[in-house]
Amino acid sequence: MSALKQPVENGPVVPFWRTIPSNGRPERVGKFGIDMGDRGTYDERNKLNEMTGKEWVFFLNSIWIKAYPPVADECGFDLRKIHPCPKPPLLMRDVILFFTKRGQWILDPFAGVGGTLLGASLCQPARRAIGVDLNPAYVSAYGEAAKSEKLKAQLMLCGDSRKILDFPEISKREFDLILTDPPYADLMSRPKTGHKKKLYGRSDASPFSNHAADLGNFEYDRFLEELQNILAQAVSRLKDKKYLVVFCRDLQPAKGKHGLLHADMIQTIQKIPGMVYRGMRIWHDQAADLYPFGYPYAFVMNQMHQYLLIFRKESGAKKTCPPAGTKP
């Protein structure tokens, strides 16, 4: 053994993975493996999705660096741009492909202009999805976008997600994935102070709606309370061992407030019976613009990322009291 590999008395030891060769990754998975050519090997025991091990590994990367630019005429963007921040359907498709198999059902309680529903139809083979949104203009925009793109029309319901189990289409069905991008408290209802004000010279708020039931008009603590209530109802229709994926973006820190919305959302959602936090992916949105905030006086962060908070329903998990108003 070389001096490099020998432990030094009362000193550090070289980590073993730097001193012995790796066994490498197995090329096949034994009797359960199916050779999918360039895609890699698919394991017949895979109950989550239709990915090979090679494709699965890519999704596990905690940082997702990919641009999904809001290009005119792509995925019906010209029809969907009435929403101030629509999620790219191709992004939602890529999430859906990891957490579902063909023909399975997805629920989006905050469907907006239908990014999740369009994503389900873009999957090959397609998945089935139901969305709910409070704003009839958004519901209509989704329908027009699906038609213009010649995509399978999914079911989009117009109504208050705080009463989501009043929809028999939802209460009488079980889902394989809940994928959603809720409002971030009243962020969009506030006057603009960032790059839009600097670039366009206007500070108008851009709320999702003026409806009294819109979570996008609720102050922070009430937003978290109502979010827990809605997701608790949705999760009651989620199959065991299946996933809830929630998009989230932090707020800029302010005096006495850390702005770490993702941390508060994790704590809130974990209060739902059976919900176990399994980790996150950070989407680096390369289509976002950089702006020299704070120059030349102080540090002000450009938020170029969003979080995908991932929870698994595990019926045997330790339960807490359900939120008030939650239906069984």
C-alpha atoms as a PDB file:
ATOM      1  CA  MET A   1       0.000   0.000   0.000  1.00  0.00           C
ATOM      2  CA  SER A   2       1.339   3.421  -0.909  1.00  0.00           C
ATOM      3  CA  ALA A   3       1.961   6.057   1.705  1.00  0.00           C
ATOM      4  CA  LEU A   4      -0.968   8.019   0.276  1.00  0.00           C
ATOM      5  CA  LYS A   5      -3.429   5.263   1.135  1.00  0.00           C
ATOM      6  CA  GLN A   6      -2.167   4.510   4.602  1.00  0.00           C
ATOM      7  CA  PRO A   7      -3.874   6.177   7.541  1.00  0.00           C
ATOM      8  CA  VAL A   8      -1.828   8.764   9.307  1.00  0.00           C
ATOM      9  CA  GLU A   9      -1.580   8.281  13.055  1.00  0.00           C
ATOM     10  CA  ASN A  10      -3.876  10.772  14.768  1.00  0.00           C
ATOM     11  CA  GLY A  11      -4.527  12.295  11.317  1.00  0.00           C
ATOM     12  CA  PRO A  12      -6.975  12.057   8.415  1.00  0.00           C
ATOM     13  CA  VAL A  13      -7.650   8.908   6.394  1.00  0.00           C
ATOM     14  CA  VAL A  14      -8.020   9.108   2.633  1.00  0.00           C
ATOM     15  CA  PRO A  15     -11.699   8.340   1.740  1.00  0.00           C
ATOM     16  CA  PHE A  16     -12.114   4.786   0.459  1.00  0.00           C
ATOM     17  CA  TRP A  17     -13.696   5.866  -2.833  1.00  0.00           C
ATOM     18  CA  ARG A  18     -10.408   7.547  -3.733  1.00  0.00           C
ATOM     19  CA  THR A  19      -8.308   4.477  -3.079  1.00  0.00           C
ATOM     20  CA  ILE A  20     -10.230   1.545  -4.593  1.00  0.00           C
ATOM     21  CA  PRO A  21     -11.802   1.121  -8.052  1.00  0.00           C
ATOM     22  CA  SER A  22     -15.570   1.440  -8.490  1.00  0.00           C
ATOM     23  CA  ASN A  23     -17.666  -1.566  -9.432  1.00  0.00           C
ATOM     24  CA  GLY A  24     -19.385   0.661 -11.975  1.00  0.00           C
ATOM     25  CA  ARG A  25     -23.051   0.666 -12.871  1.00  0.00           C
ATOM     26  CA  PRO A  26     -24.582  -2.635 -14.016  1.00  0.00           C
ATOM     27  CA  GLU A  27     -25.389  -2.656 -17.715  1.00  0.00           C
ATOM     28  CA  ARG A  28     -28.519  -4.764 -17.202  1.00  0.00           C
ATOM     29  CA  VAL A  29     -30.987  -5.348 -14.382  1.00  0.00           C
ATOM     30  CA  GLY A  30     -31.133  -9.120 -14.629  1.00  0.00           C
ATOM     31  CA  LYS A  31     -34.259 -11.068 -15.493  1.00  0.00           C
ATOM     32  CA  PHE A  32     -36.528  -8.027 -15.157  1.00  0.00           C
ATOM     33  CA  GLY A  33     -34.671  -5.907 -17.713  1.00  0.00           C
ATOM     34  CA  ILE A  34     -35.900  -5.005 -21.203  1.00  0.00           C
ATOM     35  CA  ASP A  35     -33.368  -3.571 -23.643  1.00  0.00           C
ATOM     36  CA  MET A  36     -34.778  -0.304 -25.031  1.00  0.00           C
ATOM     37  CA  GLY A  37     -31.815   0.447 -27.287  1.00  0.00           C
ATOM     38  CA  ASP A  38     -30.394   3.965 -26.954  1.00  0.00           C
ATOM     39  CA  ARG A  39     -32.936   4.716 -24.216  1.00  0.00           C
ATOM     40  CA  GLY A  40     -31.278   2.181 -21.913  1.00  0.00           C
ATOM     41  CA  THR A  41     -32.827  -0.680 -19.946  1.00  0.00           C
ATOM     42  CA  TYR A  42     -36.385  -0.688 -18.653  1.00  0.00           C
ATOM     43  CA  ASP A  43     -37.097  -2.620 -15.457  1.00  0.00           C
ATOM     44  CA  GLU A  44     -40.460  -4.423 -15.483  1.00  0.00           C
ATOM     45  CA  ARG A  45     -40.788  -3.753 -11.744  1.00  0.00           C
ATOM     46  CA  ASN A  46     -41.090  -0.005 -12.391  1.00  0.00           C
ATOM     47  CA  LYS A  47     -44.532   0.922 -11.024  1.00  0.00           C
ATOM     48  CA  LEU A  48     -44.047   4.696 -11.189  1.00  0.00           C
ATOM     49  CA  ASN A  49     -43.384   5.549 -14.822  1.00  0.00           C
ATOM     50  CA  GLU A  50     -42.265   4.197 -18.192  1.00  0.00           C
ATOM     51  CA  MET A  51     -38.656   5.371 -17.980  1.00  0.00           C
ATOM     52  CA  THR A  52     -35.477   3.381 -18.299  1.00  0.00           C
ATOM     53  CA  GLY A  53     -32.828   3.629 -15.610  1.00  0.00           C
ATOM     54  CA  LYS A  54     -30.879   6.031 -17.839  1.00  0.00           C
ATOM     55  CA  GLU A  55     -33.873   8.378 -18.155  1.00  0.00           C
ATOM     56  CA  TRP A  56     -34.729   8.039 -14.456  1.00  0.00           C
ATOM     57  CA  VAL A  57     -31.253   9.164 -13.384  1.00  0.00           C
ATOM     58  CA  PHE A  58     -31.522  12.374 -15.421  1.00  0.00           C
ATOM     59  CA  PHE A  59     -34.699  13.404 -13.601  1.00  0.00           C
ATOM     60  CA  LEU A  60     -33.050  12.897 -10.189  1.00  0.00           C
ATOM     61  CA  ASN A  61     -30.687  15.814 -10.804  1.00  0.00           C
ATOM     62  CA  SER A  62     -31.615  18.367  -8.140  1.00  0.00           C
ATOM     63  CA  ILE A  63     -30.950  21.283 -10.523  1.00  0.00           C
ATOM     64  CA  TRP A  64     -33.017  21.394 -13.690  1.00  0.00           C
ATOM     65  CA  ILE A  65     -31.430  23.788 -16.180  1.00  0.00           C
ATOM     66  CA  LYS A  66     -33.676  24.173 -19.174  1.00  0.00           C
ATOM     67  CA  ALA A  67     -35.390  27.000 -20.990  1.00  0.00           C
ATOM     68  CA  TYR A  68     -39.066  26.747 -21.812  1.00  0.00           C
ATOM     69  CA  PRO A  69     -39.462  30.196 -23.389  1.00  0.00           C
ATOM     70  CA  PRO A  70     -42.982  31.620 -23.807  1.00  0.00           C
ATOM     71  CA  VAL A  71     -42.744  31.633 -27.601  1.00  0.00           C
ATOM     72  CA  ALA A  72     -45.656  33.055 -29.572  1.00  0.00           C
ATOM     73  CA  ASP A  73     -47.812  30.397 -31.218  1.00  0.00           C
ATOM     74  CA  GLU A  74     -46.162  27.582 -29.196  1.00  0.00           C
ATOM     75  CA  CYS A  75     -48.555  25.466 -27.118  1.00  0.00           C
ATOM     76  CA  GLY A  76     -51.228  28.100 -27.585  1.00  0.00           C
ATOM     77  CA  PHE A  77     -49.246  30.813 -25.811  1.00  0.00           C
ATOM     78  CA  ASP A  78     -51.005  33.656 -27.651  1.00  0.00           C
ATOM     79  CA  LEU A  79     -54.291  32.406 -26.221  1.00  0.00           C
ATOM     80  CA  ARG A  80     -52.900  31.662 -22.762  1.00  0.00           C
ATOM     81  CA  LYS A  81     -50.960  34.903 -22.223  1.00  0.00           C
ATOM     82  CA  ILE A  82     -53.919  36.479 -20.419  1.00  0.00           C
ATOM     83  CA  HIS A  83     -52.472  34.670 -17.383  1.00  0.00           C
ATOM     84  CA  PRO A  84     -49.573  36.702 -15.874  1.00  0.00           C
ATOM     85  CA  CYS A  85     -47.331  33.652 -15.337  1.00  0.00           C
ATOM     86  CA  PRO A  86     -48.539  30.528 -17.176  1.00  0.00           C
ATOM     87  CA  LYS A  87     -46.499  27.367 -16.664  1.00  0.00           C
ATOM     88  CA  PRO A  88     -44.967  26.017 -19.894  1.00  0.00           C
ATOM     89  CA  PRO A  89     -46.898  22.905 -21.016  1.00  0.00           C
ATOM     90  CA  LEU A  90     -43.664  21.199 -22.096  1.00  0.00           C
ATOM     91  CA  LEU A  91     -42.279  21.657 -18.577  1.00  0.00           C
ATOM     92  CA  MET A  92     -45.418  20.128 -17.099  1.00  0.00           C
ATOM     93  CA  ARG A  93     -45.216  17.294 -19.605  1.00  0.00           C
ATOM     94  CA  ASP A  94     -41.699  16.443 -18.466  1.00  0.00           C
ATOM     95  CA  VAL A  95     -42.820  16.313 -14.822  1.00  0.00           C
ATOM     96  CA  ILE A  96     -45.848  14.181 -15.696  1.00  0.00           C
ATOM     97  CA  LEU A  97     -43.711  11.687 -17.622  1.00  0.00           C
ATOM     98  CA  PHE A  98     -41.681  10.921 -14.485  1.00  0.00           C
ATOM     99  CA  PHE A  99     -44.587  10.497 -12.083  1.00  0.00           C
ATOM    100  CA  THR A 100     -47.124   8.621 -14.225  1.00  0.00           C
ATOM    101  CA  LYS A 101     -47.688   5.857 -16.750  1.00  0.00           C
ATOM    102  CA  ARG A 102     -49.843   6.014 -19.858  1.00  0.00           C
ATOM    103  CA  GLY A 103     -53.547   6.557 -19.281  1.00  0.00           C
ATOM    104  CA  GLN A 104     -53.181   7.522 -15.615  1.00  0.00           C
ATOM    105  CA  TRP A 105     -55.031  10.425 -14.011  1.00  0.00           C
ATOM    106  CA  ILE A 106     -53.637  13.812 -12.913  1.00  0.00           C
ATOM    107  CA  LEU A 107     -55.338  16.520 -10.841  1.00  0.00           C
ATOM    108  CA  ASP A 108     -54.470  20.224 -10.828  1.00  0.00           C
ATOM    109  CA  PRO A 109     -56.431  22.254  -8.226  1.00  0.00           C
ATOM    110  CA  PHE A 110     -54.937  25.555  -9.494  1.00  0.00           C
ATOM    111  CA  ALA A 111     -55.058  24.919 -13.222  1.00  0.00           C
ATOM    112  CA  GLY A 112     -54.803  28.502 -14.492  1.00  0.00           C
ATOM    113  CA  VAL A 113     -54.779  28.411 -18.297  1.00  0.00           C
ATOM    114  CA  GLY A 114     -54.189  24.688 -18.349  1.00  0.00           C
ATOM    115  CA  GLY A 115     -50.439  24.127 -18.437  1.00  0.00           C
ATOM    116  CA  THR A 116     -50.810  20.797 -16.614  1.00  0.00           C
ATOM    117  CA  LEU A 117     -53.697  19.682 -18.823  1.00  0.00           C
ATOM    118  CA  LEU A 118     -51.852  20.565 -22.014  1.00  0.00           C
ATOM    119  CA  GLY A 119     -48.787  18.781 -20.632  1.00  0.00           C
ATOM    120  CA  ALA A 120     -50.845  15.630 -20.048  1.00  0.00           C
ATOM    121  CA  SER A 121     -52.037  15.702 -23.664  1.00  0.00           C
ATOM    122  CA  LEU A 122     -48.497  16.279 -24.950  1.00  0.00           C
ATOM    123  CA  CYS A 123     -47.255  13.074 -23.303  1.00  0.00           C
ATOM    124  CA  GLN A 124     -46.694  10.136 -25.607  1.00  0.00           C
ATOM    125  CA  PRO A 125     -48.869   8.218 -24.912  1.00  0.00           C
ATOM    126  CA  ALA A 126     -51.237  10.810 -23.445  1.00  0.00           C
ATOM    127  CA  ARG A 127     -52.308  10.932 -19.821  1.00  0.00           C
ATOM    128  CA  ARG A 128     -55.727  12.007 -18.513  1.00  0.00           C
ATOM    129  CA  ALA A 129     -56.158  15.131 -16.404  1.00  0.00           C
ATOM    130  CA  ILE A 130     -58.704  17.261 -14.568  1.00  0.00           C
ATOM    131  CA  GLY A 131     -58.090  20.898 -13.700  1.00  0.00           C
ATOM    132  CA  VAL A 132     -59.982  23.424 -11.589  1.00  0.00           C
ATOM    133  CA  ASP A 133     -59.745  27.194 -11.780  1.00  0.00           C
ATOM    134  CA  LEU A 134     -61.795  30.055 -10.404  1.00  0.00           C
ATOM    135  CA  ASN A 135     -61.420  32.345 -13.435  1.00  0.00           C
ATOM    136  CA  PRO A 136     -63.774  31.526 -16.343  1.00  0.00           C
ATOM    137  CA  ALA A 137     -61.524  33.439 -18.755  1.00  0.00           C
ATOM    138  CA  TYR A 138     -58.649  31.064 -17.935  1.00  0.00           C
ATOM    139  CA  VAL A 139     -60.891  28.033 -18.380  1.00  0.00           C
ATOM    140  CA  SER A 140     -61.973  29.323 -21.780  1.00  0.00           C
ATOM    141  CA  ALA A 141     -58.385  30.126 -22.802  1.00  0.00           C
ATOM    142  CA  TYR A 142     -57.335  26.559 -22.051  1.00  0.00           C
ATOM    143  CA  GLY A 143     -60.123  25.145 -24.211  1.00  0.00           C
ATOM    144  CA  GLU A 144     -59.207  27.402 -27.113  1.00  0.00           C
ATOM    145  CA  ALA A 145     -55.499  26.551 -26.766  1.00  0.00           C
ATOM    146  CA  ALA A 146     -56.142  22.801 -26.770  1.00  0.00           C
ATOM    147  CA  LYS A 147     -58.313  23.162 -29.849  1.00  0.00           C
ATOM    148  CA  SER A 148     -55.814  25.334 -31.711  1.00  0.00           C
ATOM    149  CA  GLU A 149     -52.985  22.887 -30.960  1.00  0.00           C
ATOM    150  CA  LYS A 150     -55.176  19.918 -31.940  1.00  0.00           C
ATOM    151  CA  LEU A 151     -54.537  18.291 -28.582  1.00  0.00           C
ATOM    152  CA  LYS A 152     -56.832  15.987 -26.671  1.00  0.00           C
ATOM    153  CA  ALA A 153     -59.200  18.138 -24.598  1.00  0.00           C
ATOM    154  CA  GLN A 154     -58.925  17.372 -20.895  1.00  0.00           C
ATOM    155  CA  LEU A 155     -61.614  18.221 -18.343  1.00  0.00           C
ATOM    156  CA  MET A 156     -61.314  21.788 -17.036  1.00  0.00           C
ATOM    157  CA  LEU A 157     -63.777  22.744 -14.289  1.00  0.00           C
ATOM    158  CA  CYS A 158     -64.595  26.313 -13.306  1.00  0.00           C
ATOM    159  CA  GLY A 159     -65.098  26.827  -9.601  1.00  0.00           C
ATOM    160  CA  ASP A 160     -63.676  27.346  -6.124  1.00  0.00           C
ATOM    161  CA  SER A 161     -60.993  24.780  -5.237  1.00  0.00           C
ATOM    162  CA  ARG A 162     -61.785  25.293  -1.566  1.00  0.00           C
ATOM    163  CA  LYS A 163     -64.837  23.121  -2.362  1.00  0.00           C
ATOM    164  CA  ILE A 164     -63.018  20.808  -4.739  1.00  0.00           C
ATOM    165  CA  LEU A 165     -64.736  17.667  -3.461  1.00  0.00           C
ATOM    166  CA  ASP A 166     -68.094  19.119  -4.475  1.00  0.00           C
ATOM    167  CA  PHE A 167     -67.146  18.176  -8.033  1.00  0.00           C
ATOM    168  CA  PRO A 168     -68.258  14.537  -8.535  1.00  0.00           C
ATOM    169  CA  GLU A 169     -65.706  14.246 -11.349  1.00  0.00           C
ATOM    170  CA  ILE A 170     -63.065  14.568  -8.616  1.00  0.00           C
ATOM    171  CA  SER A 171     -64.684  13.138  -5.484  1.00  0.00           C
ATOM    172  CA  LYS A 172     -65.595   9.876  -7.254  1.00  0.00           C
ATOM    173  CA  ARG A 173     -62.186   9.280  -8.807  1.00  0.00           C
ATOM    174  CA  GLU A 174     -58.710   8.376  -7.582  1.00  0.00           C
ATOM    175  CA  PHE A 175     -55.659  10.135  -9.014  1.00  0.00           C
ATOM    176  CA  ASP A 176     -52.110   9.013  -9.741  1.00  0.00           C
ATOM    177  CA  LEU A 177     -50.526  12.480  -9.480  1.00  0.00           C
ATOM    178  CA  ILE A 178     -51.416  15.918  -8.193  1.00  0.00           C
ATOM    179  CA  LEU A 179     -49.399  18.544 -10.043  1.00  0.00           C
ATOM    180  CA  THR A 180     -50.079  22.212  -9.411  1.00  0.00           C
ATOM    181  CA  ASP A 181     -48.709  25.747  -9.350  1.00  0.00           C
ATOM    182  CA  PRO A 182     -50.709  27.702  -6.750  1.00  0.00           C
ATOM    183  CA  PRO A 183     -50.618  31.467  -6.277  1.00  0.00           C
ATOM    184  CA  TYR A 184     -47.734  32.619  -4.097  1.00  0.00           C
ATOM    185  CA  ALA A 185     -49.922  34.407  -1.554  1.00  0.00           C
ATOM    186  CA  ASP A 186     -50.758  37.923  -2.777  1.00  0.00           C
ATOM    187  CA  LEU A 187     -47.531  38.387  -4.782  1.00  0.00           C
ATOM    188  CA  MET A 188     -49.282  39.133  -8.077  1.00  0.00           C
ATOM    189  CA  SER A 189     -51.759  41.487  -6.393  1.00  0.00           C
ATOM    190  CA  ARG A 190     -48.978  43.794  -5.239  1.00  0.00           C
ATOM    191  CA  PRO A 191     -47.724  46.782  -7.265  1.00  0.00           C
ATOM    192  CA  LYS A 192     -44.716  45.905  -9.410  1.00  0.00           C
ATOM    193  CA  THR A 193     -41.362  47.032  -8.016  1.00  0.00           C
ATOM    194  CA  GLY A 194     -38.918  44.912 -10.033  1.00  0.00           C
ATOM    195  CA  HIS A 195     -37.702  44.809 -13.604  1.00  0.00           C
ATOM    196  CA  LYS A 196     -41.161  45.260 -15.138  1.00  0.00           C
ATOM    197  CA  LYS A 197     -41.498  48.640 -13.481  1.00  0.00           C
ATOM    198  CA  LYS A 198     -37.996  49.596 -14.593  1.00  0.00           C
ATOM    199  CA  LEU A 199     -38.460  48.349 -18.161  1.00  0.00           C
ATOM    200  CA  TYR A 200     -42.020  49.517 -18.778  1.00  0.00           C
ATOM    201  CA  GLY A 201     -42.327  52.427 -16.366  1.00  0.00           C
ATOM    202  CA  ARG A 202     -45.497  51.032 -14.789  1.00  0.00           C
ATOM    203  CA  SER A 203     -46.189  49.394 -11.455  1.00  0.00           C
ATOM    204  CA  ASP A 204     -49.723  48.041 -12.019  1.00  0.00           C
ATOM    205  CA  ALA A 205     -50.581  44.900 -10.080  1.00  0.00           C
ATOM    206  CA  SER A 206     -51.514  41.851 -12.165  1.00  0.00           C
ATOM    207  CA  PRO A 207     -53.843  39.747  -9.980  1.00  0.00           C
ATOM    208  CA  PHE A 208     -55.178  36.457 -11.284  1.00  0.00           C
ATOM    209  CA  SER A 209     -58.679  37.773 -10.572  1.00  0.00           C
ATOM    210  CA  ASN A 210     -60.526  40.130  -8.239  1.00  0.00           C
ATOM    211  CA  HIS A 211     -62.596  37.271  -6.841  1.00  0.00           C
ATOM    212  CA  ALA A 212     -62.926  37.187  -3.052  1.00  0.00           C
ATOM    213  CA  ALA A 213     -62.151  33.436  -3.053  1.00  0.00           C
ATOM    214  CA  ASP A 214     -58.919  33.787  -5.053  1.00  0.00           C
ATOM    215  CA  LEU A 215     -55.936  32.652  -2.937  1.00  0.00           C
ATOM    216  CA  GLY A 216     -53.846  35.102  -4.953  1.00  0.00           C
ATOM    217  CA  ASN A 217     -55.545  37.912  -3.032  1.00  0.00           C
ATOM    218  CA  PHE A 218     -54.968  36.454   0.452  1.00  0.00           C
ATOM    219  CA  GLU A 219     -52.334  37.659   2.869  1.00  0.00           C
ATOM    220  CA  TYR A 220     -49.519  35.240   3.677  1.00  0.00           C
ATOM    221  CA  ASP A 221     -50.823  33.362   6.717  1.00  0.00           C
ATOM    222  CA  ARG A 222     -54.354  32.994   5.396  1.00  0.00           C
ATOM    223  CA  PHE A 223     -52.955  31.812   2.054  1.00  0.00           C
ATOM    224  CA  LEU A 224     -51.033  28.997   3.756  1.00  0.00           C
ATOM    225  CA  GLU A 225     -54.108  27.975   5.755  1.00  0.00           C
ATOM    226  CA  GLU A 226     -56.345  27.831   2.673  1.00  0.00           C
ATOM    227  CA  LEU A 227     -53.647  26.066   0.639  1.00  0.00           C
ATOM    228  CA  GLN A 228     -53.467  23.328   3.276  1.00  0.00           C
ATOM    229  CA  ASN A 229     -57.232  22.950   3.220  1.00  0.00           C
ATOM    230  CA  ILE A 230     -57.419  22.633  -0.578  1.00  0.00           C
ATOM    231  CA  LEU A 231     -54.503  20.237  -0.896  1.00  0.00           C
ATOM    232  CA  ALA A 232     -55.818  18.097   1.980  1.00  0.00           C
ATOM    233  CA  GLN A 233     -59.048  17.598   0.051  1.00  0.00           C
ATOM    234  CA  ALA A 234     -57.157  16.849  -3.169  1.00  0.00           C
ATOM    235  CA  VAL A 235     -54.814  14.409  -1.440  1.00  0.00           C
ATOM    236  CA  SER A 236     -57.812  12.485  -0.109  1.00  0.00           C
ATOM    237  CA  ARG A 237     -58.364  11.406  -3.734  1.00  0.00           C
ATOM    238  CA  LEU A 238     -54.679  10.581  -4.367  1.00  0.00           C
ATOM    239  CA  LYS A 239     -53.726   6.916  -4.448  1.00  0.00           C
ATOM    240  CA  ASP A 240     -51.377   5.610  -1.776  1.00  0.00           C
ATOM    241  CA  LYS A 241     -47.663   5.745  -2.679  1.00  0.00           C
ATOM    242  CA  LYS A 242     -48.397   8.388  -5.321  1.00  0.00           C
ATOM    243  CA  TYR A 243     -47.058  11.934  -5.474  1.00  0.00           C
ATOM    244  CA  LEU A 244     -48.032  15.557  -4.969  1.00  0.00           C
ATOM    245  CA  VAL A 245     -45.753  18.013  -6.818  1.00  0.00           C
ATOM    246  CA  VAL A 246     -46.141  21.720  -6.050  1.00  0.00           C
ATOM    247  CA  PHE A 247     -44.356  24.566  -7.792  1.00  0.00           C
ATOM    248  CA  CYS A 248     -43.190  27.430  -5.617  1.00  0.00           C
ATOM    249  CA  ARG A 249     -41.144  30.594  -5.889  1.00  0.00           C
ATOM    250  CA  ASP A 250     -39.727  32.489  -2.920  1.00  0.00           C
ATOM    251  CA  LEU A 251     -40.516  36.113  -2.190  1.00  0.00           C
ATOM    252  CA  GLN A 252     -37.900  38.813  -1.859  1.00  0.00           C
ATOM    253  CA  PRO A 253     -36.853  39.194   1.796  1.00  0.00           C
ATOM    254  CA  ALA A 254     -38.235  42.222   3.590  1.00  0.00           C
ATOM    255  CA  LYS A 255     -37.722  43.693   7.023  1.00  0.00           C
ATOM    256  CA  GLY A 256     -38.647  41.014   9.544  1.00  0.00           C
ATOM    257  CA  LYS A 257     -39.646  38.530   6.808  1.00  0.00           C
ATOM    258  CA  HIS A 258     -37.343  35.915   5.280  1.00  0.00           C
ATOM    259  CA  GLY A 259     -39.482  35.403   2.184  1.00  0.00           C
ATOM    260  CA  LEU A 260     -38.709  31.650   2.078  1.00  0.00           C
ATOM    261  CA  LEU A 261     -42.142  30.623   0.907  1.00  0.00           C
ATOM    262  CA  HIS A 262     -40.939  27.160  -0.109  1.00  0.00           C
ATOM    263  CA  ALA A 263     -39.913  26.380   3.484  1.00  0.00           C
ATOM    264  CA  ASP A 264     -43.272  27.491   4.867  1.00  0.00           C
ATOM    265  CA  MET A 265     -45.120  25.530   2.189  1.00  0.00           C
ATOM    266  CA  ILE A 266     -43.187  22.366   3.069  1.00  0.00           C
ATOM    267  CA  GLN A 267     -44.098  22.751   6.734  1.00  0.00           C
ATOM    268  CA  THR A 268     -47.727  23.471   5.856  1.00  0.00           C
ATOM    269  CA  ILE A 269     -48.204  20.551   3.467  1.00  0.00           C
ATOM    270  CA  GLN A 270     -46.549  18.099   5.867  1.00  0.00           C
ATOM    271  CA  LYS A 271     -49.432  18.757   8.263  1.00  0.00           C
ATOM    272  CA  ILE A 272     -51.750  16.968   5.842  1.00  0.00           C
ATOM    273  CA  PRO A 273     -52.287  13.360   6.976  1.00  0.00           C
ATOM    274  CA  GLY A 274     -50.088  10.958   5.039  1.00  0.00           C
ATOM    275  CA  MET A 275     -48.032  13.610   3.251  1.00  0.00           C
ATOM    276  CA  VAL A 276     -44.296  12.933   3.459  1.00  0.00           C
ATOM    277  CA  TYR A 277     -41.821  15.417   2.000  1.00  0.00           C
ATOM    278  CA  ARG A 278     -39.415  13.589  -0.328  1.00  0.00           C
ATOM    279  CA  GLY A 279     -37.255  16.418  -1.623  1.00  0.00           C
ATOM    280  CA  MET A 280     -37.192  19.047  -4.326  1.00  0.00           C
ATOM    281  CA  ARG A 281     -36.011  19.903  -7.782  1.00  0.00           C
ATOM    282  CA  ILE A 282     -34.874  23.424  -8.547  1.00  0.00           C
ATOM    283  CA  TRP A 283     -35.828  24.616 -12.013  1.00  0.00           C
ATOM    284  CA  HIS A 284     -33.390  27.193 -13.350  1.00  0.00           C
ATOM    285  CA  ASP A 285     -35.540  29.102 -15.807  1.00  0.00           C
ATOM    286  CA  GLN A 286     -33.113  30.172 -18.519  1.00  0.00           C
ATOM    287  CA  ALA A 287     -35.844  32.175 -20.235  1.00  0.00           C
ATOM    288  CA  ALA A 288     -35.985  34.635 -17.303  1.00  0.00           C
ATOM    289  CA  ASP A 289     -34.338  38.046 -17.698  1.00  0.00           C
ATOM    290  CA  LEU A 290     -31.482  39.308 -15.556  1.00  0.00           C
ATOM    291  CA  TYR A 291     -31.606  42.883 -14.270  1.00  0.00           C
ATOM    292  CA  PRO A 292     -28.995  44.849 -12.259  1.00  0.00           C
ATOM    293  CA  PHE A 293     -31.173  45.274  -9.182  1.00  0.00           C
ATOM    294  CA  GLY A 294     -29.618  47.341  -6.399  1.00  0.00           C
ATOM    295  CA  TYR A 295     -26.780  48.675  -8.546  1.00  0.00           C
ATOM    296  CA  PRO A 296     -24.688  50.481  -7.437  1.00  0.00           C
ATOM    297  CA  TYR A 297     -25.840  50.452  -3.818  1.00  0.00           C
ATOM    298  CA  ALA A 298     -26.827  47.029  -2.488  1.00  0.00           C
ATOM    299  CA  PHE A 299     -27.272  43.330  -3.192  1.00  0.00           C
ATOM    300  CA  VAL A 300     -30.717  42.407  -4.509  1.00  0.00           C
ATOM    301  CA  MET A 301     -31.112  38.888  -5.879  1.00  0.00           C
ATOM    302  CA  ASN A 302     -32.428  37.984  -9.312  1.00  0.00           C
ATOM    303  CA  GLN A 303     -34.685  34.982  -8.737  1.00  0.00           C
ATOM    304  CA  MET A 304     -33.967  32.747 -11.717  1.00  0.00           C
ATOM    305  CA  HIS A 305     -35.296  29.574 -10.172  1.00  0.00           C
ATOM    306  CA  GLN A 306     -38.435  27.911  -8.920  1.00  0.00           C
ATOM    307  CA  TYR A 307     -38.881  24.934  -6.633  1.00  0.00           C
ATOM    308  CA  LEU A 308     -40.709  21.724  -7.363  1.00  0.00           C
ATOM    309  CA  LEU A 309     -41.683  20.474  -3.900  1.00  0.00           C
ATOM    310  CA  ILE A 310     -42.257  16.718  -3.989  1.00  0.00           C
ATOM    311  CA  PHE A 311     -44.420  14.849  -1.477  1.00  0.00           C
ATOM    312  CA  ARG A 312     -45.478  11.200  -1.347  1.00  0.00           C
ATOM    313  CA  LYS A 313     -48.688   9.889   0.129  1.00  0.00           C
ATOM    314  CA  GLU A 314     -47.800   7.233   2.663  1.00  0.00           C
ATOM    315  CA  SER A 315     -50.815   5.994   4.574  1.00  0.00           C
ATOM    316  CA  GLY A 316     -48.679   4.611   7.393  1.00  0.00           C
ATOM    317  CA  ALA A 317     -47.023   7.975   8.016  1.00  0.00           C
ATOM    318  CA  LYS A 318     -47.578   9.738  11.323  1.00  0.00           C
ATOM    319  CA  LYS A 319     -50.718  11.810  11.081  1.00  0.00           C
ATOM    320  CA  THR A 320     -51.588  15.206  12.469  1.00  0.00           C
ATOM    321  CA  CYS A 321     -54.997  16.749  12.910  1.00  0.00           C
ATOM    322  CA  PRO A 322     -56.555  17.614   9.520  1.00  0.00           C
ATOM    323  CA  PRO A 323     -57.181  21.276   8.780  1.00  0.00           C
ATOM    324  CA  ALA A 324     -60.551  22.733   9.650  1.00  0.00           C
ATOM    325  CA  GLY A 325     -63.125  22.288   6.916  1.00  0.00           C
ATOM    326  CA  THR A 326     -61.392  19.321   5.307  1.00  0.00           C
ATOM    327  CA  LYS A 327     -63.833  16.705   4.079  1.00  0.00           C
ATOM    328  CA  PRO A 328     -63.090  13.045   4.821  1.00  0.00           C
END
